[in-house]
Amino acid sequence: MSHKKHNEKENHNLKDEGEKAPETPKPSLEDELKQRIAALELELAEAKDKILRAHADFDNFRKRTFKEMKDLRTMVKADTMVPILNVFDHFNMALDAAEKKPDFKVLHDGMKMIFAEFEKAMNELDIKTLEVAEGQEFDPNVHEAVSKEYSEKHEEGKILRQWKRGYKIGDRLLRPAVVVVSSGPQLSPAPSEAEKTTEDKENIQED
């Protein structure tokens, strides 16, 4: 009885070994290509979406930057004009006073008041006048030579006088000072041959 059961068990094991597990069918080349195309289409759609988002972000940034720059320009103009408006007010006051009382002293006092307001406005805007003095060395970085003149007092390259004031704001030059520059003393012309001959004759006669 036990021998029979043993044989049945061996036969069952041989039957299991003889049976092979079913193999998974490999996808065809067409299926692989379809899967690859689908994956690429998905990647392309994601890339397009990223590009559109980046373009929209950049467009918003450009518009925001443009608005900020426009607002900044407006603020700068406003800050610049406030001191100038004070000068304009004083100018109107001076004109009104001159019309009511046409007197030179009134006009002179009004002009002095306007000049003081201009200086105040320039100080508020940090605009400084370039210091130019007679005999100062000409500097092409801050000076503009409008002409040259002979000078017995100053050597060549020295400033003789200023025609227009120069200004700077901070370290930036707004306008160079317009000046007249010395070309040095005028040289006496060399005597001509006729003058030399005349001078020689005079010397002989004196001897």
C-alpha atoms as a PDB file:
ATOM      1  CA  MET A   1       0.000   0.000   0.000  1.00  0.00           C
ATOM      2  CA  SER A   2       2.780   2.386   0.914  1.00  0.00           C
ATOM      3  CA  HIS A   3       4.701   1.361  -2.190  1.00  0.00           C
ATOM      4  CA  LYS A   4       1.736   2.282  -4.370  1.00  0.00           C
ATOM      5  CA  LYS A   5       1.436   5.722  -2.777  1.00  0.00           C
ATOM      6  CA  HIS A   6       5.138   6.284  -3.296  1.00  0.00           C
ATOM      7  CA  ASN A   7       4.854   5.488  -7.004  1.00  0.00           C
ATOM      8  CA  GLU A   8       1.867   7.815  -7.381  1.00  0.00           C
ATOM      9  CA  LYS A   9       3.839  10.650  -5.759  1.00  0.00           C
ATOM     10  CA  GLU A  10       6.821  10.113  -8.077  1.00  0.00           C
ATOM     11  CA  ASN A  11       4.540  10.064 -11.108  1.00  0.00           C
ATOM     12  CA  HIS A  12       2.939  13.352  -9.974  1.00  0.00           C
ATOM     13  CA  ASN A  13       6.360  15.007  -9.547  1.00  0.00           C
ATOM     14  CA  LEU A  14       7.429  13.847 -13.013  1.00  0.00           C
ATOM     15  CA  LYS A  15       4.227  15.238 -14.466  1.00  0.00           C
ATOM     16  CA  ASP A  16       4.840  18.678 -12.824  1.00  0.00           C
ATOM     17  CA  GLU A  17       8.422  18.756 -14.098  1.00  0.00           C
ATOM     18  CA  GLY A  18       7.283  17.869 -17.570  1.00  0.00           C
ATOM     19  CA  GLU A  19       4.825  20.791 -17.715  1.00  0.00           C
ATOM     20  CA  LYS A  20       6.396  24.172 -18.687  1.00  0.00           C
ATOM     21  CA  ALA A  21       5.092  27.595 -17.549  1.00  0.00           C
ATOM     22  CA  PRO A  22       3.435  29.519 -20.380  1.00  0.00           C
ATOM     23  CA  GLU A  23       5.779  32.171 -21.876  1.00  0.00           C
ATOM     24  CA  THR A  24       4.705  35.867 -21.995  1.00  0.00           C
ATOM     25  CA  PRO A  25       4.369  36.883 -25.626  1.00  0.00           C
ATOM     26  CA  LYS A  26       6.897  39.572 -26.684  1.00  0.00           C
ATOM     27  CA  PRO A  27       5.417  42.834 -28.061  1.00  0.00           C
ATOM     28  CA  SER A  28       5.782  43.243 -31.732  1.00  0.00           C
ATOM     29  CA  LEU A  29       7.975  45.942 -33.291  1.00  0.00           C
ATOM     30  CA  GLU A  30       4.865  47.866 -34.272  1.00  0.00           C
ATOM     31  CA  ASP A  31       3.616  47.877 -30.687  1.00  0.00           C
ATOM     32  CA  GLU A  32       7.012  49.076 -29.424  1.00  0.00           C
ATOM     33  CA  LEU A  33       7.014  51.901 -31.960  1.00  0.00           C
ATOM     34  CA  LYS A  34       3.493  52.911 -30.963  1.00  0.00           C
ATOM     35  CA  GLN A  35       4.492  53.015 -27.291  1.00  0.00           C
ATOM     36  CA  ARG A  36       7.585  55.055 -28.081  1.00  0.00           C
ATOM     37  CA  ILE A  37       5.580  57.513 -30.213  1.00  0.00           C
ATOM     38  CA  ALA A  38       3.012  57.913 -27.440  1.00  0.00           C
ATOM     39  CA  ALA A  39       5.762  58.609 -24.916  1.00  0.00           C
ATOM     40  CA  LEU A  40       7.391  61.182 -27.217  1.00  0.00           C
ATOM     41  CA  GLU A  41       4.055  62.880 -27.865  1.00  0.00           C
ATOM     42  CA  LEU A  42       3.527  63.154 -24.118  1.00  0.00           C
ATOM     43  CA  GLU A  43       6.998  64.660 -23.641  1.00  0.00           C
ATOM     44  CA  LEU A  44       6.371  67.090 -26.499  1.00  0.00           C
ATOM     45  CA  ALA A  45       3.064  68.199 -24.994  1.00  0.00           C
ATOM     46  CA  GLU A  46       4.747  68.772 -21.618  1.00  0.00           C
ATOM     47  CA  ALA A  47       7.568  70.762 -23.286  1.00  0.00           C
ATOM     48  CA  LYS A  48       5.064  72.917 -25.190  1.00  0.00           C
ATOM     49  CA  ASP A  49       3.180  73.600 -21.971  1.00  0.00           C
ATOM     50  CA  LYS A  50       6.414  74.651 -20.235  1.00  0.00           C
ATOM     51  CA  ILE A  51       7.315  76.953 -23.140  1.00  0.00           C
ATOM     52  CA  LEU A  52       3.886  78.582 -23.097  1.00  0.00           C
ATOM     53  CA  ARG A  53       4.081  79.091 -19.343  1.00  0.00           C
ATOM     54  CA  ALA A  54       7.600  80.567 -19.633  1.00  0.00           C
ATOM     55  CA  HIS A  55       6.466  82.880 -22.440  1.00  0.00           C
ATOM     56  CA  ALA A  56       3.483  84.041 -20.382  1.00  0.00           C
ATOM     57  CA  ASP A  57       5.708  84.635 -17.334  1.00  0.00           C
ATOM     58  CA  PHE A  58       8.191  86.626 -19.409  1.00  0.00           C
ATOM     59  CA  ASP A  59       5.415  88.699 -20.981  1.00  0.00           C
ATOM     60  CA  ASN A  60       4.018  89.493 -17.532  1.00  0.00           C
ATOM     61  CA  PHE A  61       7.524  90.370 -16.305  1.00  0.00           C
ATOM     62  CA  ARG A  62       8.083  92.658 -19.307  1.00  0.00           C
ATOM     63  CA  LYS A  63       4.777  94.457 -18.751  1.00  0.00           C
ATOM     64  CA  ARG A  64       5.446  94.780 -15.020  1.00  0.00           C
ATOM     65  CA  THR A  65       8.965  96.108 -15.627  1.00  0.00           C
ATOM     66  CA  PHE A  66       7.702  98.611 -18.201  1.00  0.00           C
ATOM     67  CA  LYS A  67       5.083  99.903 -15.751  1.00  0.00           C
ATOM     68  CA  GLU A  68       7.654 100.153 -12.952  1.00  0.00           C
ATOM     69  CA  MET A  69      10.058 102.074 -15.213  1.00  0.00           C
ATOM     70  CA  LYS A  70       7.256 104.396 -16.313  1.00  0.00           C
ATOM     71  CA  ASP A  71       6.266 105.027 -12.702  1.00  0.00           C
ATOM     72  CA  LEU A  72       9.905 105.624 -11.788  1.00  0.00           C
ATOM     73  CA  ARG A  73      10.324 108.186 -14.594  1.00  0.00           C
ATOM     74  CA  THR A  74       7.187 109.968 -13.417  1.00  0.00           C
ATOM     75  CA  MET A  75       8.486 110.059  -9.847  1.00  0.00           C
ATOM     76  CA  VAL A  76      11.865 111.403 -10.992  1.00  0.00           C
ATOM     77  CA  LYS A  77      10.167 114.102 -13.069  1.00  0.00           C
ATOM     78  CA  ALA A  78       7.961 115.039 -10.136  1.00  0.00           C
ATOM     79  CA  ASP A  79      10.905 115.214  -7.708  1.00  0.00           C
ATOM     80  CA  THR A  80      12.810 117.338 -10.215  1.00  0.00           C
ATOM     81  CA  MET A  81       9.969 119.726 -10.945  1.00  0.00           C
ATOM     82  CA  VAL A  82       9.046 120.568  -7.338  1.00  0.00           C
ATOM     83  CA  PRO A  83      12.085 122.859  -6.791  1.00  0.00           C
ATOM     84  CA  ILE A  84      11.666 124.335 -10.289  1.00  0.00           C
ATOM     85  CA  LEU A  85       8.040 125.208  -9.537  1.00  0.00           C
ATOM     86  CA  ASN A  86       9.207 127.277  -6.566  1.00  0.00           C
ATOM     87  CA  VAL A  87      11.488 129.240  -8.893  1.00  0.00           C
ATOM     88  CA  PHE A  88       8.616 129.693 -11.341  1.00  0.00           C
ATOM     89  CA  ASP A  89       6.407 131.062  -8.542  1.00  0.00           C
ATOM     90  CA  HIS A  90       9.055 133.608  -7.530  1.00  0.00           C
ATOM     91  CA  PHE A  91       9.512 134.613 -11.148  1.00  0.00           C
ATOM     92  CA  ASN A  92       5.782 135.353 -11.432  1.00  0.00           C
ATOM     93  CA  MET A  93       5.915 137.303  -8.181  1.00  0.00           C
ATOM     94  CA  ALA A  94       8.792 139.413  -9.507  1.00  0.00           C
ATOM     95  CA  LEU A  95       6.923 140.130 -12.749  1.00  0.00           C
ATOM     96  CA  ASP A  96       3.787 141.160 -10.865  1.00  0.00           C
ATOM     97  CA  ALA A  97       5.800 143.484  -8.615  1.00  0.00           C
ATOM     98  CA  ALA A  98       7.578 145.038 -11.610  1.00  0.00           C
ATOM     99  CA  GLU A  99       4.257 145.697 -13.376  1.00  0.00           C
ATOM    100  CA  LYS A 100       2.724 147.317 -10.304  1.00  0.00           C
ATOM    101  CA  LYS A 101       5.806 149.381  -9.571  1.00  0.00           C
ATOM    102  CA  PRO A 102       8.086 149.754 -12.625  1.00  0.00           C
ATOM    103  CA  ASP A 103      11.245 150.460 -10.688  1.00  0.00           C
ATOM    104  CA  PHE A 104      14.747 149.168 -11.410  1.00  0.00           C
ATOM    105  CA  LYS A 105      15.313 148.352  -7.746  1.00  0.00           C
ATOM    106  CA  VAL A 106      12.150 146.262  -7.638  1.00  0.00           C
ATOM    107  CA  LEU A 107      13.250 144.391 -10.763  1.00  0.00           C
ATOM    108  CA  HIS A 108      16.759 143.952  -9.366  1.00  0.00           C
ATOM    109  CA  ASP A 109      15.471 142.620  -6.060  1.00  0.00           C
ATOM    110  CA  GLY A 110      13.168 140.244  -7.914  1.00  0.00           C
ATOM    111  CA  MET A 111      16.014 138.901 -10.034  1.00  0.00           C
ATOM    112  CA  LYS A 112      18.123 138.362  -6.922  1.00  0.00           C
ATOM    113  CA  MET A 113      15.251 136.472  -5.311  1.00  0.00           C
ATOM    114  CA  ILE A 114      14.849 134.276  -8.389  1.00  0.00           C
ATOM    115  CA  PHE A 115      18.586 133.570  -8.520  1.00  0.00           C
ATOM    116  CA  ALA A 116      18.538 132.544  -4.854  1.00  0.00           C
ATOM    117  CA  GLU A 117      15.650 130.179  -5.543  1.00  0.00           C
ATOM    118  CA  PHE A 118      17.518 128.686  -8.483  1.00  0.00           C
ATOM    119  CA  GLU A 119      20.542 128.020  -6.282  1.00  0.00           C
ATOM    120  CA  LYS A 120      18.297 126.433  -3.672  1.00  0.00           C
ATOM    121  CA  ALA A 121      16.642 124.221  -6.288  1.00  0.00           C
ATOM    122  CA  MET A 122      20.017 123.140  -7.656  1.00  0.00           C
ATOM    123  CA  ASN A 123      21.231 122.245  -4.182  1.00  0.00           C
ATOM    124  CA  GLU A 124      18.114 120.145  -3.594  1.00  0.00           C
ATOM    125  CA  LEU A 125      18.812 118.304  -6.859  1.00  0.00           C
ATOM    126  CA  ASP A 126      22.487 117.866  -5.885  1.00  0.00           C
ATOM    127  CA  ILE A 127      23.614 119.946  -8.872  1.00  0.00           C
ATOM    128  CA  LYS A 128      26.969 121.609  -8.298  1.00  0.00           C
ATOM    129  CA  THR A 129      28.686 124.398 -10.232  1.00  0.00           C
ATOM    130  CA  LEU A 130      32.164 123.650 -11.559  1.00  0.00           C
ATOM    131  CA  GLU A 131      34.754 125.945 -10.034  1.00  0.00           C
ATOM    132  CA  VAL A 132      36.709 127.740 -12.767  1.00  0.00           C
ATOM    133  CA  ALA A 133      39.381 130.346 -12.047  1.00  0.00           C
ATOM    134  CA  GLU A 134      41.650 132.443 -14.242  1.00  0.00           C
ATOM    135  CA  GLY A 135      45.000 130.733 -14.734  1.00  0.00           C
ATOM    136  CA  GLN A 136      43.565 127.282 -14.036  1.00  0.00           C
ATOM    137  CA  GLU A 137      44.844 124.387 -16.148  1.00  0.00           C
ATOM    138  CA  PHE A 138      42.502 123.478 -19.000  1.00  0.00           C
ATOM    139  CA  ASP A 139      40.959 120.029 -18.441  1.00  0.00           C
ATOM    140  CA  PRO A 140      39.143 118.556 -21.486  1.00  0.00           C
ATOM    141  CA  ASN A 141      37.175 116.284 -19.153  1.00  0.00           C
ATOM    142  CA  VAL A 142      35.272 119.203 -17.594  1.00  0.00           C
ATOM    143  CA  HIS A 143      36.118 122.187 -19.835  1.00  0.00           C
ATOM    144  CA  GLU A 144      35.184 123.097 -23.399  1.00  0.00           C
ATOM    145  CA  ALA A 145      37.432 125.570 -25.202  1.00  0.00           C
ATOM    146  CA  VAL A 146      35.417 127.996 -27.307  1.00  0.00           C
ATOM    147  CA  SER A 147      38.483 129.936 -28.500  1.00  0.00           C
ATOM    148  CA  LYS A 148      42.158 130.650 -27.888  1.00  0.00           C
ATOM    149  CA  GLU A 149      43.821 134.002 -27.317  1.00  0.00           C
ATOM    150  CA  TYR A 150      47.362 135.261 -26.888  1.00  0.00           C
ATOM    151  CA  SER A 151      48.284 136.148 -23.338  1.00  0.00           C
ATOM    152  CA  GLU A 152      51.380 137.726 -21.861  1.00  0.00           C
ATOM    153  CA  LYS A 153      50.138 136.816 -18.388  1.00  0.00           C
ATOM    154  CA  HIS A 154      49.310 133.133 -18.739  1.00  0.00           C
ATOM    155  CA  GLU A 155      51.161 130.374 -20.554  1.00  0.00           C
ATOM    156  CA  GLU A 156      49.618 128.117 -23.150  1.00  0.00           C
ATOM    157  CA  GLY A 157      46.887 125.809 -21.872  1.00  0.00           C
ATOM    158  CA  LYS A 158      45.756 128.068 -19.038  1.00  0.00           C
ATOM    159  CA  ILE A 159      42.186 129.359 -18.744  1.00  0.00           C
ATOM    160  CA  LEU A 160      41.774 133.096 -19.371  1.00  0.00           C
ATOM    161  CA  ARG A 161      38.060 133.451 -18.598  1.00  0.00           C
ATOM    162  CA  GLN A 162      34.782 131.563 -18.453  1.00  0.00           C
ATOM    163  CA  TRP A 163      31.897 132.125 -20.868  1.00  0.00           C
ATOM    164  CA  LYS A 164      29.390 129.604 -19.538  1.00  0.00           C
ATOM    165  CA  ARG A 165      29.253 127.825 -16.226  1.00  0.00           C
ATOM    166  CA  GLY A 166      29.650 124.073 -16.058  1.00  0.00           C
ATOM    167  CA  TYR A 167      27.545 121.797 -13.861  1.00  0.00           C
ATOM    168  CA  LYS A 168      27.625 118.272 -12.507  1.00  0.00           C
ATOM    169  CA  ILE A 169      25.183 116.110 -10.565  1.00  0.00           C
ATOM    170  CA  GLY A 170      27.005 113.852  -8.154  1.00  0.00           C
ATOM    171  CA  ASP A 171      30.018 112.581 -10.090  1.00  0.00           C
ATOM    172  CA  ARG A 172      28.298 112.910 -13.479  1.00  0.00           C
ATOM    173  CA  LEU A 173      29.023 115.889 -15.719  1.00  0.00           C
ATOM    174  CA  LEU A 174      25.878 117.686 -16.886  1.00  0.00           C
ATOM    175  CA  ARG A 175      27.596 120.368 -18.942  1.00  0.00           C
ATOM    176  CA  PRO A 176      31.260 121.343 -19.304  1.00  0.00           C
ATOM    177  CA  ALA A 177      32.372 124.857 -18.487  1.00  0.00           C
ATOM    178  CA  VAL A 178      32.857 126.870 -21.697  1.00  0.00           C
ATOM    179  CA  VAL A 179      36.127 128.784 -21.454  1.00  0.00           C
ATOM    180  CA  VAL A 180      38.685 130.804 -23.389  1.00  0.00           C
ATOM    181  CA  VAL A 181      42.172 129.284 -23.293  1.00  0.00           C
ATOM    182  CA  SER A 182      45.539 130.955 -23.552  1.00  0.00           C
ATOM    183  CA  SER A 183      47.776 130.150 -26.489  1.00  0.00           C
ATOM    184  CA  GLY A 184      50.744 131.760 -24.748  1.00  0.00           C
ATOM    185  CA  PRO A 185      52.474 135.054 -25.533  1.00  0.00           C
ATOM    186  CA  GLN A 186      52.478 136.273 -29.091  1.00  0.00           C
ATOM    187  CA  LEU A 187      55.879 135.798 -30.694  1.00  0.00           C
ATOM    188  CA  SER A 188      57.483 138.798 -32.400  1.00  0.00           C
ATOM    189  CA  PRO A 189      57.813 138.244 -36.148  1.00  0.00           C
ATOM    190  CA  ALA A 190      61.357 137.653 -37.424  1.00  0.00           C
ATOM    191  CA  PRO A 191      62.839 140.711 -39.209  1.00  0.00           C
ATOM    192  CA  SER A 192      62.796 140.578 -42.988  1.00  0.00           C
ATOM    193  CA  GLU A 193      65.960 140.830 -45.142  1.00  0.00           C
ATOM    194  CA  ALA A 194      65.173 144.457 -45.981  1.00  0.00           C
ATOM    195  CA  GLU A 195      64.827 145.310 -42.293  1.00  0.00           C
ATOM    196  CA  LYS A 196      68.131 143.547 -41.565  1.00  0.00           C
ATOM    197  CA  THR A 197      69.861 145.528 -44.339  1.00  0.00           C
ATOM    198  CA  THR A 198      68.456 148.833 -43.050  1.00  0.00           C
ATOM    199  CA  GLU A 199      69.495 147.982 -39.511  1.00  0.00           C
ATOM    200  CA  ASP A 200      73.035 147.088 -40.670  1.00  0.00           C
ATOM    201  CA  LYS A 201      73.322 150.394 -42.559  1.00  0.00           C
ATOM    202  CA  GLU A 202      72.228 152.331 -39.513  1.00  0.00           C
ATOM    203  CA  ASN A 203      74.792 150.565 -37.393  1.00  0.00           C
ATOM    204  CA  ILE A 204      77.575 151.383 -39.929  1.00  0.00           C
ATOM    205  CA  GLN A 205      76.575 155.051 -40.005  1.00  0.00           C
ATOM    206  CA  GLU A 206      76.664 155.237 -36.245  1.00  0.00           C
ATOM    207  CA  ASP A 207      80.160 153.755 -36.246  1.00  0.00           C
END
